[in-house]
Amino acid sequence: MRRDEARGWVVGIAAPPVDGRANDELVRFLGREVLGVGRDGVRVRAGASGRDKLLDVDLAPDELESRLRAYADPT
């Protein structure tokens, strides 16, 4: 996972983009492992069938950015 100034946060997911599996894995990974809000705390708002996604996350913007940065750079 990394921050791209042009695209935003870039997350690589190993699940295949078949029957929504990649979206499910993205939501699980971000919700549980990265952000600590659970699966219900992350939703795909737009881009469900494409590579680029817009997500809704149940965190304030500054807290979201802080947790993403902490996971991406745990130093």
Protein backbone atom coordinates (compact mmCIF):
# COMPACT_ATOMS: atom_id res chain seq x y z
CA MET A 1 0.00 0.00 0.00
CA ARG A 2 1.34 3.41 -0.92
CA ARG A 3 0.29 7.02 -1.43
CA ASP A 4 0.37 8.29 -5.02
CA GLU A 5 0.02 12.05 -5.29
CA ALA A 6 -1.90 11.80 -8.58
CA ARG A 7 -4.15 8.83 -7.76
CA GLY A 8 -4.49 8.80 -3.98
CA TRP A 9 -3.92 5.61 -2.02
CA VAL A 10 -2.89 2.57 -4.07
CA VAL A 11 -3.63 -0.86 -2.62
CA GLY A 12 -2.68 -4.14 -4.27
CA ILE A 13 -5.12 -6.99 -3.75
CA ALA A 14 -4.35 -10.61 -4.67
CA ALA A 15 -7.98 -11.72 -5.02
CA PRO A 16 -9.20 -12.06 -8.62
CA PRO A 17 -11.60 -9.43 -9.96
CA VAL A 18 -14.34 -12.05 -10.40
CA ASP A 19 -17.80 -11.89 -8.82
CA GLY A 20 -16.75 -9.00 -6.58
CA ARG A 21 -14.03 -10.98 -4.80
CA ALA A 22 -11.40 -8.27 -5.20
CA ASN A 23 -13.80 -5.64 -3.81
CA ASP A 24 -14.66 -7.90 -0.88
CA GLU A 25 -10.97 -8.45 -0.14
CA LEU A 26 -10.25 -4.72 -0.39
CA VAL A 27 -13.05 -3.90 2.06
CA ARG A 28 -11.94 -6.67 4.45
CA PHE A 29 -8.27 -5.67 4.29
CA LEU A 30 -8.83 -1.96 4.80
CA GLY A 31 -11.60 -2.34 7.37
CA ARG A 32 -10.00 -4.96 9.59
CA GLU A 33 -6.25 -4.83 9.06
CA VAL A 34 -5.53 -1.22 8.20
CA LEU A 35 -8.25 0.99 9.68
CA GLY A 36 -9.70 -1.08 12.51
CA VAL A 37 -13.32 -0.24 11.66
CA GLY A 38 -14.44 -3.70 10.51
CA ARG A 39 -15.99 -4.65 7.19
CA ASP A 40 -19.11 -2.58 7.81
CA GLY A 41 -16.98 0.55 8.23
CA VAL A 42 -15.76 0.52 4.61
CA ARG A 43 -18.00 0.61 1.53
CA VAL A 44 -17.32 0.91 -2.20
CA ARG A 45 -19.21 4.04 -3.29
CA ALA A 46 -18.07 4.08 -6.93
CA GLY A 47 -15.89 2.02 -9.23
CA ALA A 48 -17.04 -1.44 -8.17
CA SER A 49 -16.36 -2.82 -11.66
CA GLY A 50 -13.15 -0.86 -12.36
CA ARG A 51 -9.61 -0.62 -11.05
CA ASP A 52 -10.09 2.78 -9.40
CA LYS A 53 -12.46 2.94 -6.42
CA LEU A 54 -14.12 5.61 -4.35
CA LEU A 55 -14.72 4.38 -0.82
CA ASP A 56 -16.83 5.56 2.09
CA VAL A 57 -15.11 4.98 5.45
CA ASP A 58 -16.59 5.50 8.90
CA LEU A 59 -13.76 7.73 10.13
CA ALA A 60 -13.14 11.46 10.18
CA PRO A 61 -10.87 12.49 7.27
CA ASP A 62 -7.89 13.37 9.47
CA GLU A 63 -8.14 10.08 11.40
CA LEU A 64 -8.46 8.12 8.14
CA GLU A 65 -5.34 9.73 6.71
CA SER A 66 -3.44 9.17 9.96
CA ARG A 67 -4.27 5.44 10.03
CA LEU A 68 -3.46 4.96 6.34
CA ARG A 69 -0.10 6.69 6.76
CA ALA A 70 0.70 4.70 9.91
CA TYR A 71 0.05 1.42 8.11
CA ALA A 72 1.96 2.40 4.97
CA ASP A 73 4.98 3.69 6.91
CA PRO A 74 5.11 2.00 10.34
CA THR A 75 8.34 3.74 11.44
